[in-house]
Amino acid sequence: REKAEREKAEREKAERDEFERIQERRREEEFKRWRLKKGSEQQPTGKPSILEHTIGDGDFKRRELIGEGGMSNVFRAVESSSGSQLIWKEAAPSRLNSLSEVNLRLSNEFEILSSLSHPRIPRGIARGEILNETGQKINVIVMEKINGPSLKEEMAILASRGRSLGKDDAFKVIFEVIEALAFMADSDPPVYHRDIKPSNIISE
């Protein structure tokens, strides 16, 4: 009986996770459609950004888009001189967040990343400005890429196989996240992460 109840609970959890994934994909598609519509309504005021830029003291090639949010878009990147795999994050103004606000948030994020040194926190490598597709001057930061799938991706794979994260693995993830958060909170001045979610946690 306990086994049947456990299997039922796992199926229900997998169904909830799948429903959340579908809802998130719908939200992402709606946001993409809004961005395309917004871009078509505005005439570019300057030269649009290209795939290769000098940011700070280095030359970086922006690769494919890997994430979109209300404040910024995230791309894979490569440092031209070394071939190092990095993360490129650029401000993304929207109807909810103004250009000045997203630029300031990204600038503040770079300052924080540059001041912290911890194996579970990506290092800030470079900061600069580019023109986006509508001619707006947006902030860009380049940061260290921590290899591995996100916790969200890992959970999706487990759910597709009818499995869930075991208790020991769950505690391990929690303790590793708490370790990084405690380090940030103990810094001077203290730093608090306000967007903890599975897609922002990399499972090494």
Protein backbone atom coordinates (compact mmCIF):
# COMPACT_ATOMS: atom_id res chain seq x y z
CA ARG A 1 0.00 0.00 0.00
CA GLU A 2 2.82 2.40 0.88
CA LYS A 3 4.43 1.72 -2.49
CA ALA A 4 1.17 2.44 -4.32
CA GLU A 5 0.71 5.71 -2.41
CA ARG A 6 4.28 6.72 -3.14
CA GLU A 7 3.87 5.98 -6.84
CA LYS A 8 0.60 7.94 -6.89
CA ALA A 9 2.28 10.92 -5.20
CA GLU A 10 5.13 10.78 -7.73
CA ARG A 11 2.69 10.70 -10.66
CA GLU A 12 0.77 13.66 -9.25
CA LYS A 13 4.00 15.60 -8.77
CA ALA A 14 5.10 14.80 -12.32
CA GLU A 15 1.73 16.02 -13.61
CA ARG A 16 2.04 19.26 -11.63
CA ASP A 17 5.58 19.80 -12.90
CA GLU A 18 4.46 19.21 -16.48
CA PHE A 19 1.58 21.67 -16.04
CA GLU A 20 4.01 24.30 -14.66
CA ARG A 21 6.38 23.73 -17.59
CA ILE A 22 3.52 24.20 -20.07
CA GLN A 23 2.42 27.39 -18.31
CA GLU A 24 5.96 28.74 -18.28
CA ARG A 25 6.40 28.00 -21.99
CA ARG A 26 3.16 29.86 -22.68
CA ARG A 27 4.35 32.87 -20.69
CA GLU A 28 7.67 32.84 -22.53
CA GLU A 29 5.90 32.66 -25.91
CA GLU A 30 3.61 35.54 -24.96
CA PHE A 31 6.59 37.62 -23.92
CA LYS A 32 8.42 36.82 -27.17
CA ARG A 33 5.38 37.83 -29.22
CA TRP A 34 5.13 41.08 -27.29
CA ARG A 35 8.84 41.82 -27.91
CA LEU A 36 8.46 41.15 -31.64
CA LYS A 37 5.43 43.41 -31.82
CA LYS A 38 7.16 46.12 -29.80
CA GLY A 39 10.24 45.94 -32.01
CA SER A 40 8.18 46.26 -35.18
CA GLU A 41 6.55 49.42 -33.82
CA GLN A 42 9.84 51.20 -33.19
CA GLN A 43 12.27 52.51 -35.77
CA PRO A 44 15.95 51.90 -34.99
CA THR A 45 17.77 55.06 -33.91
CA GLY A 46 21.28 53.69 -34.38
CA LYS A 47 23.32 50.80 -35.64
CA PRO A 48 21.92 47.50 -34.32
CA SER A 49 24.07 45.23 -32.19
CA ILE A 50 26.12 42.53 -33.89
CA LEU A 51 27.31 39.20 -32.59
CA GLU A 52 30.84 40.26 -31.72
CA HIS A 53 31.58 43.11 -29.33
CA THR A 54 34.38 44.62 -27.32
CA ILE A 55 33.14 44.66 -23.74
CA GLY A 56 35.50 46.13 -21.17
CA ASP A 57 39.01 44.98 -22.06
CA GLY A 58 38.00 41.89 -24.04
CA ASP A 59 36.37 40.82 -27.30
CA PHE A 60 33.42 38.48 -26.90
CA LYS A 61 31.15 36.67 -29.33
CA ARG A 62 27.54 36.43 -28.31
CA ARG A 63 26.06 33.03 -29.12
CA GLU A 64 22.55 31.58 -28.81
CA LEU A 65 19.88 32.79 -26.44
CA ILE A 66 19.45 30.49 -23.44
CA GLY A 67 17.12 32.44 -21.18
CA GLU A 68 14.73 35.40 -21.08
CA GLY A 69 13.45 37.32 -18.08
CA GLY A 70 11.67 40.48 -17.15
CA MET A 71 14.96 42.35 -16.66
CA SER A 72 17.49 40.72 -18.96
CA ASN A 73 18.21 38.15 -21.66
CA VAL A 74 20.95 35.55 -21.26
CA PHE A 75 23.15 34.16 -24.04
CA ARG A 76 26.08 31.82 -24.31
CA ALA A 77 29.30 33.64 -25.16
CA VAL A 78 32.88 32.95 -26.16
CA GLU A 79 35.96 35.03 -25.45
CA SER A 80 37.61 35.53 -28.85
CA SER A 81 41.21 35.42 -27.64
CA SER A 82 41.01 32.33 -25.40
CA GLY A 83 37.92 30.47 -26.60
CA SER A 84 36.62 30.36 -23.03
CA GLN A 85 32.92 29.57 -22.69
CA LEU A 86 31.13 32.35 -20.82
CA ILE A 87 27.70 33.83 -20.13
CA TRP A 88 26.51 37.06 -21.75
CA LYS A 89 23.68 38.93 -20.02
CA GLU A 90 22.11 42.03 -21.52
CA ALA A 91 19.46 44.39 -20.20
CA ALA A 92 15.98 43.89 -21.67
CA PRO A 93 13.62 46.85 -21.24
CA SER A 94 9.91 46.03 -21.46
CA ARG A 95 6.48 47.44 -20.76
CA LEU A 96 7.00 46.49 -17.09
CA ASN A 97 10.60 47.66 -16.61
CA SER A 98 12.07 50.84 -18.06
CA LEU A 99 15.40 51.10 -19.87
CA SER A 100 16.99 53.07 -17.02
CA GLU A 101 15.82 50.54 -14.44
CA VAL A 102 17.07 47.41 -16.21
CA ASN A 103 20.40 49.09 -17.02
CA LEU A 104 20.85 50.06 -13.37
CA ARG A 105 19.92 46.58 -12.13
CA LEU A 106 22.43 44.93 -14.46
CA SER A 107 25.16 47.41 -13.51
CA ASN A 108 24.52 46.69 -9.83
CA GLU A 109 24.63 42.94 -10.50
CA PHE A 110 28.07 43.27 -12.09
CA GLU A 111 29.35 45.27 -9.12
CA ILE A 112 28.16 42.53 -6.77
CA LEU A 113 29.58 39.65 -8.82
CA SER A 114 32.91 41.44 -9.12
CA SER A 115 33.12 41.88 -5.35
CA LEU A 116 32.37 38.26 -4.43
CA SER A 117 34.70 35.27 -4.65
CA HIS A 118 33.02 31.92 -4.06
CA PRO A 119 33.07 28.66 -6.09
CA ARG A 120 29.26 28.58 -6.29
CA ILE A 121 28.89 32.18 -7.47
CA PRO A 122 29.88 33.15 -11.06
CA ARG A 123 32.57 35.83 -11.38
CA GLY A 124 31.86 39.08 -13.16
CA ILE A 125 34.36 39.36 -16.03
CA ALA A 126 33.45 42.41 -18.13
CA ARG A 127 30.87 45.16 -18.44
CA GLY A 128 29.95 47.44 -21.33
CA GLU A 129 27.20 48.92 -23.49
CA ILE A 130 25.77 48.03 -26.91
CA LEU A 131 22.85 49.16 -29.06
CA ASN A 132 19.97 46.71 -29.16
CA GLU A 133 17.76 46.01 -32.18
CA THR A 134 15.71 49.15 -31.57
CA GLY A 135 18.74 51.41 -31.15
CA GLN A 136 18.56 51.65 -27.35
CA LYS A 137 21.83 51.74 -25.44
CA ILE A 138 21.73 48.76 -23.07
CA ASN A 139 24.13 47.45 -20.46
CA VAL A 140 25.86 44.11 -20.96
CA ILE A 141 27.80 42.00 -18.49
CA VAL A 142 29.93 38.96 -19.23
CA MET A 143 30.33 36.43 -16.46
CA GLU A 144 31.83 33.07 -15.69
CA LYS A 145 29.88 30.05 -16.95
CA ILE A 146 29.27 27.39 -14.31
CA ASN A 147 28.97 24.09 -16.16
CA GLY A 148 26.09 21.73 -15.63
CA PRO A 149 22.31 21.59 -16.13
CA SER A 150 19.98 23.76 -14.10
CA LEU A 151 18.05 22.16 -11.27
CA LYS A 152 14.91 22.84 -13.31
CA GLU A 153 16.29 20.85 -16.26
CA GLU A 154 17.42 18.03 -13.99
CA MET A 155 14.02 17.81 -12.32
CA ALA A 156 12.29 17.78 -15.72
CA ILE A 157 14.44 14.84 -16.83
CA LEU A 158 13.64 12.93 -13.63
CA ALA A 159 9.93 13.69 -13.98
CA SER A 160 9.92 12.44 -17.58
CA ARG A 161 11.22 9.13 -16.24
CA GLY A 162 8.63 8.97 -13.48
CA ARG A 163 11.21 9.75 -10.82
CA SER A 164 11.89 12.54 -8.35
CA LEU A 165 14.93 13.88 -6.54
CA GLY A 166 15.82 11.65 -3.60
CA LYS A 167 15.97 12.98 -0.05
CA ASP A 168 19.77 12.86 0.15
CA ASP A 169 20.19 14.66 -3.18
CA ALA A 170 17.57 17.24 -2.21
CA PHE A 171 19.36 18.00 1.07
CA LYS A 172 22.67 18.25 -0.80
CA VAL A 173 21.24 20.87 -3.18
CA ILE A 174 19.66 22.81 -0.31
CA PHE A 175 22.86 22.88 1.74
CA GLU A 176 24.94 24.00 -1.26
CA VAL A 177 22.49 26.82 -2.00
CA ILE A 178 22.43 27.87 1.66
CA GLU A 179 26.23 27.89 1.73
CA ALA A 180 26.38 30.42 -1.10
CA LEU A 181 23.53 32.51 0.33
CA ALA A 182 25.18 32.60 3.77
CA PHE A 183 28.45 33.72 2.18
CA MET A 184 26.64 36.56 0.42
CA ALA A 185 24.75 37.59 3.56
CA ASP A 186 28.01 37.65 5.56
CA SER A 187 29.77 39.92 3.06
CA ASP A 188 30.26 43.63 3.77
CA PRO A 189 27.85 45.06 2.80
CA PRO A 190 25.55 42.03 2.92
CA VAL A 191 24.03 40.80 -0.36
CA TYR A 192 20.65 39.07 -0.61
CA HIS A 193 19.53 37.02 -3.60
CA ARG A 194 15.85 37.70 -4.29
CA ASP A 195 15.28 35.32 -7.20
CA ILE A 196 16.07 31.82 -5.97
CA LYS A 197 14.38 29.28 -8.25
CA PRO A 198 15.33 25.97 -9.92
CA SER A 199 16.27 27.61 -13.23
CA ASN A 200 18.84 29.78 -11.38
CA ILE A 201 20.53 26.83 -9.64
CA ILE A 202 23.18 24.87 -11.54
CA SER A 203 23.55 21.21 -10.59
CA GLU A 204 27.20 20.27 -10.86
